[in-house]
């Protein structure tokens, strides 16, 4: 229905490449996650993550485990996040090993940000094991690049 943006612009990275079912299942997982967010369904959203997941929000809050993810997102989906959506655009997808995928996405729905996912296959099912969301600050990026040029 939505999230045509869940396409891989370019496959990068050093790990082995897998296509077919693994990539399709990972993209399906990211689509389910985005659709659950849009519906405000904390239960379905949290189900995309492993029981022992680590989730770091854009402001540095560290959620440990699926239960905490669900508990924190439930009220947010009923409040400040109600009616919002995420639009993850896959910018990098690689497989460091057959049961581990490293995925980077970019989003601009709620402010420009970059996400890193470690997605693992357990018992034949792909789940998000670790997630980091980082807001992109244009000024901060500019200063960092300028400082790097001065030193280089």
C-alpha atoms as a PDB file:
ATOM      1  CA  UNK A   1       0.000   0.000   0.000  1.00  0.00           C
ATOM      2  CA  UNK A   2       2.676   2.526   0.937  1.00  0.00           C
ATOM      3  CA  UNK A   3       6.394   2.606   1.308  1.00  0.00           C
ATOM      4  CA  UNK A   4       7.533   2.210  -2.245  1.00  0.00           C
ATOM      5  CA  UNK A   5      10.555   3.905  -0.685  1.00  0.00           C
ATOM      6  CA  UNK A   6      11.531   0.560   0.834  1.00  0.00           C
ATOM      7  CA  UNK A   7      13.671  -0.138  -2.189  1.00  0.00           C
ATOM      8  CA  UNK A   8      17.388  -0.491  -2.084  1.00  0.00           C
ATOM      9  CA  UNK A   9      18.912   2.417  -3.960  1.00  0.00           C
ATOM     10  CA  UNK A  10      22.251   0.671  -4.125  1.00  0.00           C
ATOM     11  CA  UNK A  11      23.596  -2.382  -2.387  1.00  0.00           C
ATOM     12  CA  UNK A  12      26.860  -1.532  -0.661  1.00  0.00           C
ATOM     13  CA  UNK A  13      28.891  -3.021   2.127  1.00  0.00           C
ATOM     14  CA  UNK A  14      31.518  -5.714   2.380  1.00  0.00           C
ATOM     15  CA  UNK A  15      29.447  -8.706   3.406  1.00  0.00           C
ATOM     16  CA  UNK A  16      28.102 -11.510   1.254  1.00  0.00           C
ATOM     17  CA  UNK A  17      25.140 -10.564  -0.902  1.00  0.00           C
ATOM     18  CA  UNK A  18      21.883 -12.441  -0.597  1.00  0.00           C
ATOM     19  CA  UNK A  19      18.895 -11.752  -2.729  1.00  0.00           C
ATOM     20  CA  UNK A  20      15.636 -13.548  -3.149  1.00  0.00           C
ATOM     21  CA  UNK A  21      13.688 -14.607  -0.103  1.00  0.00           C
ATOM     22  CA  UNK A  22      15.962 -13.145   2.589  1.00  0.00           C
ATOM     23  CA  UNK A  23      15.932  -9.665   1.090  1.00  0.00           C
ATOM     24  CA  UNK A  24      12.203  -9.892   0.365  1.00  0.00           C
ATOM     25  CA  UNK A  25      11.473 -10.947   3.956  1.00  0.00           C
ATOM     26  CA  UNK A  26      13.608  -8.112   5.370  1.00  0.00           C
ATOM     27  CA  UNK A  27      11.844  -5.546   3.178  1.00  0.00           C
ATOM     28  CA  UNK A  28       8.510  -7.013   4.264  1.00  0.00           C
ATOM     29  CA  UNK A  29       9.568  -6.662   7.911  1.00  0.00           C
ATOM     30  CA  UNK A  30      10.435  -2.970   7.389  1.00  0.00           C
ATOM     31  CA  UNK A  31       7.108  -2.426   5.616  1.00  0.00           C
ATOM     32  CA  UNK A  32       5.196  -4.060   8.510  1.00  0.00           C
ATOM     33  CA  UNK A  33       7.108  -1.879  10.958  1.00  0.00           C
ATOM     34  CA  UNK A  34       6.255   1.315   9.039  1.00  0.00           C
ATOM     35  CA  UNK A  35       2.602   0.339   8.631  1.00  0.00           C
ATOM     36  CA  UNK A  36       2.277  -0.474  12.353  1.00  0.00           C
ATOM     37  CA  UNK A  37       3.727   2.968  13.142  1.00  0.00           C
ATOM     38  CA  UNK A  38       1.244   4.648  10.809  1.00  0.00           C
ATOM     39  CA  UNK A  39      -1.675   2.772  12.432  1.00  0.00           C
ATOM     40  CA  UNK A  40      -0.371   3.657  15.897  1.00  0.00           C
ATOM     41  CA  UNK A  41      -0.261  -0.040  16.765  1.00  0.00           C
ATOM     42  CA  UNK A  42       2.411  -0.412  19.456  1.00  0.00           C
ATOM     43  CA  UNK A  43       1.873  -4.168  19.720  1.00  0.00           C
ATOM     44  CA  UNK A  44       2.440  -4.798  16.002  1.00  0.00           C
ATOM     45  CA  UNK A  45       5.329  -2.323  15.960  1.00  0.00           C
ATOM     46  CA  UNK A  46       7.097  -4.048  18.850  1.00  0.00           C
ATOM     47  CA  UNK A  47       6.560  -7.477  17.252  1.00  0.00           C
ATOM     48  CA  UNK A  48       8.961  -6.438  14.483  1.00  0.00           C
ATOM     49  CA  UNK A  49      11.739  -6.410  17.093  1.00  0.00           C
ATOM     50  CA  UNK A  50      13.360  -9.352  18.832  1.00  0.00           C
ATOM     51  CA  UNK A  51      12.538 -10.040  22.463  1.00  0.00           C
ATOM     52  CA  UNK A  52      16.075  -8.928  23.410  1.00  0.00           C
ATOM     53  CA  UNK A  53      16.239  -5.919  21.082  1.00  0.00           C
ATOM     54  CA  UNK A  54      18.156  -2.706  21.670  1.00  0.00           C
ATOM     55  CA  UNK A  55      16.445   0.442  20.380  1.00  0.00           C
ATOM     56  CA  UNK A  56      18.114   3.845  20.552  1.00  0.00           C
ATOM     57  CA  UNK A  57      15.843   6.786  19.768  1.00  0.00           C
ATOM     58  CA  UNK A  58      16.875   9.984  17.991  1.00  0.00           C
ATOM     59  CA  UNK A  59      17.274  11.716  21.358  1.00  0.00           C
ATOM     60  CA  UNK A  60      19.449   8.971  22.838  1.00  0.00           C
ATOM     61  CA  UNK A  61      16.876   7.092  24.907  1.00  0.00           C
ATOM     62  CA  UNK A  62      17.827   3.401  25.060  1.00  0.00           C
ATOM     63  CA  UNK A  63      14.924   0.943  25.081  1.00  0.00           C
ATOM     64  CA  UNK A  64      15.870  -2.573  26.100  1.00  0.00           C
ATOM     65  CA  UNK A  65      13.662  -5.371  24.860  1.00  0.00           C
ATOM     66  CA  UNK A  66      10.398  -5.707  22.993  1.00  0.00           C
ATOM     67  CA  UNK A  67       8.283  -5.091  26.099  1.00  0.00           C
ATOM     68  CA  UNK A  68       9.879  -1.707  26.836  1.00  0.00           C
ATOM     69  CA  UNK A  69       9.560  -0.771  23.146  1.00  0.00           C
ATOM     70  CA  UNK A  70       5.827  -1.530  23.295  1.00  0.00           C
ATOM     71  CA  UNK A  71       5.350   0.262  26.634  1.00  0.00           C
ATOM     72  CA  UNK A  72       7.077   3.444  25.445  1.00  0.00           C
ATOM     73  CA  UNK A  73       5.533   3.587  21.967  1.00  0.00           C
ATOM     74  CA  UNK A  74       1.954   2.882  23.104  1.00  0.00           C
ATOM     75  CA  UNK A  75       1.396   6.270  24.776  1.00  0.00           C
ATOM     76  CA  UNK A  76       3.466   8.055  22.111  1.00  0.00           C
ATOM     77  CA  UNK A  77       1.254   6.636  19.347  1.00  0.00           C
ATOM     78  CA  UNK A  78      -1.797   7.895  21.252  1.00  0.00           C
ATOM     79  CA  UNK A  79      -0.192  11.302  21.826  1.00  0.00           C
ATOM     80  CA  UNK A  80       2.608  13.162  20.097  1.00  0.00           C
ATOM     81  CA  UNK A  81       3.099  10.501  17.373  1.00  0.00           C
ATOM     82  CA  UNK A  82      -0.600  10.029  16.629  1.00  0.00           C
ATOM     83  CA  UNK A  83      -1.243  10.211  12.887  1.00  0.00           C
ATOM     84  CA  UNK A  84       2.440  10.309  11.974  1.00  0.00           C
ATOM     85  CA  UNK A  85       4.286   8.007   9.630  1.00  0.00           C
ATOM     86  CA  UNK A  86       7.800   6.956   8.880  1.00  0.00           C
ATOM     87  CA  UNK A  87       9.151   6.505   5.380  1.00  0.00           C
ATOM     88  CA  UNK A  88      12.358   4.477   5.558  1.00  0.00           C
ATOM     89  CA  UNK A  89      14.299   4.516   2.295  1.00  0.00           C
ATOM     90  CA  UNK A  90      16.792   1.659   2.232  1.00  0.00           C
ATOM     91  CA  UNK A  91      20.173   3.091   1.281  1.00  0.00           C
ATOM     92  CA  UNK A  92      22.339   0.100   2.158  1.00  0.00           C
ATOM     93  CA  UNK A  93      21.596  -3.580   2.676  1.00  0.00           C
ATOM     94  CA  UNK A  94      24.249  -6.210   3.263  1.00  0.00           C
ATOM     95  CA  UNK A  95      24.599  -9.560   4.965  1.00  0.00           C
ATOM     96  CA  UNK A  96      27.701  -9.889   7.188  1.00  0.00           C
ATOM     97  CA  UNK A  97      26.597 -13.512   7.670  1.00  0.00           C
ATOM     98  CA  UNK A  98      23.693 -15.621   6.382  1.00  0.00           C
ATOM     99  CA  UNK A  99      21.507 -14.878   9.451  1.00  0.00           C
ATOM    100  CA  UNK A 100      22.465 -11.224   9.999  1.00  0.00           C
ATOM    101  CA  UNK A 101      21.549  -8.239   7.853  1.00  0.00           C
ATOM    102  CA  UNK A 102      22.885  -4.729   8.248  1.00  0.00           C
ATOM    103  CA  UNK A 103      20.451  -2.159   6.890  1.00  0.00           C
ATOM    104  CA  UNK A 104      20.752   1.614   6.685  1.00  0.00           C
ATOM    105  CA  UNK A 105      17.754   3.767   5.876  1.00  0.00           C
ATOM    106  CA  UNK A 106      17.117   7.456   5.445  1.00  0.00           C
ATOM    107  CA  UNK A 107      13.909   9.184   6.404  1.00  0.00           C
ATOM    108  CA  UNK A 108      12.502  12.665   6.094  1.00  0.00           C
ATOM    109  CA  UNK A 109       8.938  12.164   7.367  1.00  0.00           C
ATOM    110  CA  UNK A 110       9.522  13.559  10.883  1.00  0.00           C
ATOM    111  CA  UNK A 111      12.746  15.406  10.194  1.00  0.00           C
ATOM    112  CA  UNK A 112      15.751  14.211   8.278  1.00  0.00           C
ATOM    113  CA  UNK A 113      17.315  11.195   9.953  1.00  0.00           C
ATOM    114  CA  UNK A 114      19.414   8.110   9.335  1.00  0.00           C
ATOM    115  CA  UNK A 115      18.676   4.719  10.855  1.00  0.00           C
ATOM    116  CA  UNK A 116      20.829   1.647  11.358  1.00  0.00           C
ATOM    117  CA  UNK A 117      19.218  -1.759  11.767  1.00  0.00           C
ATOM    118  CA  UNK A 118      20.813  -5.063  12.711  1.00  0.00           C
ATOM    119  CA  UNK A 119      18.281  -7.652  11.627  1.00  0.00           C
ATOM    120  CA  UNK A 120      18.715 -11.282  12.636  1.00  0.00           C
ATOM    121  CA  UNK A 121      17.115 -14.502  11.507  1.00  0.00           C
ATOM    122  CA  UNK A 122      16.040 -16.707  14.402  1.00  0.00           C
ATOM    123  CA  UNK A 123      13.902 -19.798  14.072  1.00  0.00           C
ATOM    124  CA  UNK A 124      13.430 -18.995  10.393  1.00  0.00           C
ATOM    125  CA  UNK A 125      12.082 -15.477  11.077  1.00  0.00           C
ATOM    126  CA  UNK A 126      13.777 -12.097  10.530  1.00  0.00           C
ATOM    127  CA  UNK A 127      13.518  -9.656  13.455  1.00  0.00           C
ATOM    128  CA  UNK A 128      15.123  -6.343  14.307  1.00  0.00           C
ATOM    129  CA  UNK A 129      17.757  -6.993  16.987  1.00  0.00           C
ATOM    130  CA  UNK A 130      19.227  -3.480  17.162  1.00  0.00           C
ATOM    131  CA  UNK A 131      18.057  -0.080  15.956  1.00  0.00           C
ATOM    132  CA  UNK A 132      19.642   3.385  16.109  1.00  0.00           C
ATOM    133  CA  UNK A 133      17.907   6.535  14.864  1.00  0.00           C
ATOM    134  CA  UNK A 134      20.008   9.656  14.384  1.00  0.00           C
ATOM    135  CA  UNK A 135      18.657  13.071  13.444  1.00  0.00           C
ATOM    136  CA  UNK A 136      20.687  14.864  10.815  1.00  0.00           C
ATOM    137  CA  UNK A 137      21.483  18.424  11.798  1.00  0.00           C
ATOM    138  CA  UNK A 138      22.477  20.387   8.681  1.00  0.00           C
ATOM    139  CA  UNK A 139      24.583  22.870  10.636  1.00  0.00           C
ATOM    140  CA  UNK A 140      26.302  20.125  12.604  1.00  0.00           C
ATOM    141  CA  UNK A 141      27.141  18.228   9.409  1.00  0.00           C
ATOM    142  CA  UNK A 142      28.524  21.410   7.835  1.00  0.00           C
ATOM    143  CA  UNK A 143      30.735  22.165  10.848  1.00  0.00           C
ATOM    144  CA  UNK A 144      32.027  18.596  10.998  1.00  0.00           C
ATOM    145  CA  UNK A 145      32.906  18.543   7.304  1.00  0.00           C
ATOM    146  CA  UNK A 146      34.579  21.947   7.540  1.00  0.00           C
ATOM    147  CA  UNK A 147      36.673  20.856  10.530  1.00  0.00           C
ATOM    148  CA  UNK A 148      37.682  17.644   8.757  1.00  0.00           C
ATOM    149  CA  UNK A 149      38.893  19.625   5.722  1.00  0.00           C
ATOM    150  CA  UNK A 150      40.987  21.888   7.952  1.00  0.00           C
ATOM    151  CA  UNK A 151      42.740  18.918   9.530  1.00  0.00           C
ATOM    152  CA  UNK A 152      43.205  17.063   6.240  1.00  0.00           C
END
